[in-house]
Amino acid sequence: MNAAEYFELVDAVTKIDGRTKLLVVAERIATTTMHPLERRVLERALRARTEALDLQSHVAVSALVPTADAESGSLVARG
């Protein structure tokens, strides 16, 4: 694989901001002919980005939905 194409894929992985782009980039990586080491690096970066998106969505939902701990903290008697 030429270096420009490799770094284009690396950049594409870092720019993923949702499931749609994730699927598009994953398909590009899967169908591109490359050295096994390049594939491992790109697949590892893709997994890391997927995990980051999952964590980001979990944190966003947690921030919007109050938990029992947050509510009970406001009811603590102060003396």
N, C-alpha and C. Protein backbone atom coordinates (compact mmCIF):
# COMPACT_ATOMS: atom_id res chain seq x y z
N MET A 1 0.85 -1.17 0.00
CA MET A 1 0.00 0.00 0.00
C MET A 1 0.90 1.23 0.00
N ASN A 2 0.51 2.24 -0.75
CA ASN A 2 1.34 3.43 -0.74
C ASN A 2 1.07 4.25 0.51
N ALA A 3 2.04 5.05 0.90
CA ALA A 3 1.99 5.77 2.17
C ALA A 3 0.82 6.77 2.21
N ALA A 4 0.55 7.42 1.10
CA ALA A 4 -0.53 8.40 1.08
C ALA A 4 -1.88 7.75 1.38
N GLU A 5 -2.11 6.59 0.81
CA GLU A 5 -3.36 5.87 1.05
C GLU A 5 -3.45 5.40 2.50
N TYR A 6 -2.34 4.92 3.03
CA TYR A 6 -2.30 4.46 4.42
C TYR A 6 -2.65 5.61 5.37
N PHE A 7 -2.00 6.75 5.19
CA PHE A 7 -2.24 7.88 6.09
C PHE A 7 -3.62 8.48 5.88
N GLU A 8 -4.17 8.35 4.69
CA GLU A 8 -5.55 8.77 4.46
C GLU A 8 -6.51 7.91 5.30
N LEU A 9 -6.24 6.61 5.36
CA LEU A 9 -7.06 5.73 6.20
C LEU A 9 -6.87 6.03 7.68
N VAL A 10 -5.64 6.30 8.09
CA VAL A 10 -5.38 6.67 9.49
C VAL A 10 -6.19 7.92 9.85
N ASP A 11 -6.15 8.93 8.97
CA ASP A 11 -6.91 10.16 9.21
C ASP A 11 -8.41 9.89 9.22
N ALA A 12 -8.88 9.02 8.35
CA ALA A 12 -10.30 8.69 8.30
C ALA A 12 -10.76 8.06 9.62
N VAL A 13 -9.92 7.20 10.20
CA VAL A 13 -10.26 6.57 11.48
C VAL A 13 -10.38 7.63 12.56
N THR A 14 -9.45 8.58 12.60
CA THR A 14 -9.48 9.59 13.66
C THR A 14 -10.64 10.57 13.51
N LYS A 15 -11.20 10.69 12.30
CA LYS A 15 -12.31 11.61 12.06
C LYS A 15 -13.68 10.97 12.24
N ILE A 16 -13.73 9.70 12.58
CA ILE A 16 -15.01 9.01 12.76
C ILE A 16 -15.75 9.66 13.93
N ASP A 17 -17.00 10.09 13.67
CA ASP A 17 -17.78 10.71 14.73
C ASP A 17 -19.16 10.08 14.92
N GLY A 18 -19.37 8.94 14.27
CA GLY A 18 -20.65 8.26 14.43
C GLY A 18 -20.63 6.89 13.78
N ARG A 19 -21.71 6.17 13.98
CA ARG A 19 -21.80 4.78 13.49
C ARG A 19 -21.74 4.69 11.97
N THR A 20 -22.32 5.65 11.28
CA THR A 20 -22.33 5.60 9.81
C THR A 20 -20.91 5.69 9.27
N LYS A 21 -20.16 6.68 9.73
CA LYS A 21 -18.78 6.83 9.29
C LYS A 21 -17.94 5.63 9.71
N LEU A 22 -18.23 5.09 10.89
CA LEU A 22 -17.51 3.92 11.37
C LEU A 22 -17.66 2.76 10.40
N LEU A 23 -18.88 2.52 9.95
CA LEU A 23 -19.12 1.42 9.01
C LEU A 23 -18.44 1.66 7.66
N VAL A 24 -18.46 2.91 7.19
CA VAL A 24 -17.83 3.24 5.92
C VAL A 24 -16.32 3.01 5.99
N VAL A 25 -15.68 3.51 7.05
CA VAL A 25 -14.23 3.37 7.17
C VAL A 25 -13.85 1.90 7.40
N ALA A 26 -14.64 1.19 8.20
CA ALA A 26 -14.36 -0.23 8.43
C ALA A 26 -14.42 -1.01 7.12
N GLU A 27 -15.37 -0.67 6.27
CA GLU A 27 -15.49 -1.33 4.96
C GLU A 27 -14.29 -1.00 4.08
N ARG A 28 -13.86 0.25 4.10
CA ARG A 28 -12.68 0.64 3.31
C ARG A 28 -11.44 -0.13 3.77
N ILE A 29 -11.27 -0.25 5.08
CA ILE A 29 -10.12 -0.99 5.60
C ILE A 29 -10.21 -2.46 5.20
N ALA A 30 -11.40 -3.03 5.31
CA ALA A 30 -11.58 -4.44 4.99
C ALA A 30 -11.32 -4.76 3.52
N THR A 31 -11.62 -3.82 2.64
CA THR A 31 -11.51 -4.10 1.21
C THR A 31 -10.21 -3.60 0.57
N THR A 32 -9.40 -2.87 1.33
CA THR A 32 -8.15 -2.33 0.79
C THR A 32 -7.04 -3.38 0.91
N THR A 33 -6.30 -3.55 -0.15
CA THR A 33 -5.16 -4.47 -0.14
C THR A 33 -4.00 -3.79 0.57
N MET A 34 -3.45 -4.46 1.58
CA MET A 34 -2.34 -3.88 2.33
C MET A 34 -1.52 -4.97 3.01
N HIS A 35 -0.39 -4.58 3.53
CA HIS A 35 0.49 -5.47 4.28
C HIS A 35 -0.21 -5.86 5.58
N PRO A 36 -0.02 -7.09 6.06
CA PRO A 36 -0.68 -7.53 7.30
C PRO A 36 -0.40 -6.61 8.50
N LEU A 37 0.80 -6.07 8.58
CA LEU A 37 1.12 -5.18 9.70
C LEU A 37 0.32 -3.88 9.60
N GLU A 38 0.19 -3.35 8.40
CA GLU A 38 -0.63 -2.15 8.21
C GLU A 38 -2.08 -2.43 8.61
N ARG A 39 -2.58 -3.60 8.21
CA ARG A 39 -3.95 -3.97 8.55
C ARG A 39 -4.15 -4.07 10.06
N ARG A 40 -3.20 -4.70 10.74
CA ARG A 40 -3.31 -4.82 12.21
C ARG A 40 -3.34 -3.45 12.88
N VAL A 41 -2.47 -2.55 12.42
CA VAL A 41 -2.43 -1.21 13.02
C VAL A 41 -3.74 -0.47 12.78
N LEU A 42 -4.25 -0.52 11.56
CA LEU A 42 -5.50 0.17 11.25
C LEU A 42 -6.69 -0.45 11.98
N GLU A 43 -6.72 -1.76 12.06
CA GLU A 43 -7.82 -2.41 12.79
C GLU A 43 -7.76 -2.10 14.28
N ARG A 44 -6.57 -2.01 14.84
CA ARG A 44 -6.41 -1.64 16.25
C ARG A 44 -6.91 -0.21 16.47
N ALA A 45 -6.54 0.71 15.57
CA ALA A 45 -7.01 2.09 15.67
C ALA A 45 -8.53 2.16 15.53
N LEU A 46 -9.08 1.35 14.65
CA LEU A 46 -10.52 1.31 14.46
C LEU A 46 -11.23 0.80 15.71
N ARG A 47 -10.69 -0.24 16.33
CA ARG A 47 -11.27 -0.75 17.59
C ARG A 47 -11.22 0.31 18.68
N ALA A 48 -10.09 1.01 18.78
CA ALA A 48 -9.95 2.06 19.80
C ALA A 48 -10.96 3.18 19.57
N ARG A 49 -11.15 3.55 18.32
CA ARG A 49 -12.11 4.61 18.00
C ARG A 49 -13.54 4.15 18.30
N THR A 50 -13.83 2.89 18.01
CA THR A 50 -15.14 2.33 18.32
C THR A 50 -15.41 2.38 19.82
N GLU A 51 -14.42 1.97 20.61
CA GLU A 51 -14.56 2.00 22.07
C GLU A 51 -14.73 3.43 22.57
N ALA A 52 -14.01 4.37 21.98
CA ALA A 52 -14.13 5.78 22.37
C ALA A 52 -15.54 6.30 22.07
N LEU A 53 -16.09 5.93 20.92
CA LEU A 53 -17.45 6.36 20.58
C LEU A 53 -18.46 5.75 21.55
N ASP A 54 -18.28 4.48 21.90
CA ASP A 54 -19.18 3.83 22.85
C ASP A 54 -19.12 4.52 24.21
N LEU A 55 -17.92 4.83 24.66
CA LEU A 55 -17.74 5.51 25.93
C LEU A 55 -18.34 6.91 25.89
N GLN A 56 -18.11 7.60 24.79
CA GLN A 56 -18.65 8.95 24.63
C GLN A 56 -20.18 8.94 24.69
N SER A 57 -20.80 7.98 24.02
CA SER A 57 -22.26 7.93 24.04
C SER A 57 -22.77 7.55 25.43
N HIS A 58 -22.04 6.71 26.14
CA HIS A 58 -22.43 6.32 27.50
C HIS A 58 -22.34 7.53 28.44
N VAL A 59 -21.27 8.29 28.33
CA VAL A 59 -21.09 9.46 29.18
C VAL A 59 -22.15 10.51 28.86
N ALA A 60 -22.47 10.70 27.59
CA ALA A 60 -23.48 11.68 27.20
C ALA A 60 -24.84 11.30 27.77
N VAL A 61 -25.19 10.03 27.72
CA VAL A 61 -26.47 9.57 28.26
C VAL A 61 -26.47 9.72 29.77
N SER A 62 -25.37 9.38 30.44
CA SER A 62 -25.28 9.49 31.89
C SER A 62 -25.43 10.93 32.35
N ALA A 63 -24.91 11.86 31.57
CA ALA A 63 -25.01 13.27 31.94
C ALA A 63 -26.45 13.78 31.83
N LEU A 64 -27.24 13.18 30.94
CA LEU A 64 -28.61 13.61 30.74
C LEU A 64 -29.60 12.97 31.71
N VAL A 65 -29.26 11.79 32.22
CA VAL A 65 -30.16 11.06 33.09
C VAL A 65 -29.61 11.08 34.51
N PRO A 66 -30.28 11.74 35.45
CA PRO A 66 -29.77 11.77 36.82
C PRO A 66 -29.83 10.38 37.45
N THR A 67 -28.83 10.07 38.22
CA THR A 67 -28.80 8.77 38.90
C THR A 67 -29.35 8.92 40.31
N ALA A 68 -29.60 7.82 40.95
CA ALA A 68 -30.10 7.83 42.33
C ALA A 68 -29.09 8.50 43.26
N ASP A 69 -27.80 8.29 43.02
CA ASP A 69 -26.78 8.89 43.87
C ASP A 69 -26.82 10.41 43.78
N ALA A 70 -27.00 10.93 42.60
CA ALA A 70 -27.04 12.38 42.41
C ALA A 70 -28.26 12.98 43.11
N GLU A 71 -29.39 12.29 43.03
CA GLU A 71 -30.60 12.78 43.67
C GLU A 71 -30.50 12.70 45.18
N SER A 72 -29.94 11.61 45.70
CA SER A 72 -29.86 11.46 47.16
C SER A 72 -28.88 12.46 47.75
N GLY A 73 -27.89 12.88 47.00
CA GLY A 73 -26.94 13.87 47.49
C GLY A 73 -27.60 15.21 47.77
N SER A 74 -28.65 15.54 47.02
CA SER A 74 -29.31 16.82 47.22
C SER A 74 -30.25 16.79 48.42
N LEU A 75 -30.55 15.60 48.93
CA LEU A 75 -31.48 15.47 50.05
C LEU A 75 -30.76 15.28 51.38
N VAL A 76 -29.46 15.33 51.41
CA VAL A 76 -28.69 15.12 52.63
C VAL A 76 -28.90 16.33 53.55
N ALA A 77 -29.21 16.02 54.81
CA ALA A 77 -29.39 17.10 55.80
C ALA A 77 -28.05 17.74 56.10
N ARG A 78 -28.06 19.04 56.09
CA ARG A 78 -26.83 19.77 56.39
C ARG A 78 -26.95 20.35 57.78
N GLY A 79 -25.87 20.26 58.53
CA GLY A 79 -25.97 20.75 59.92
C GLY A 79 -24.95 21.69 60.33
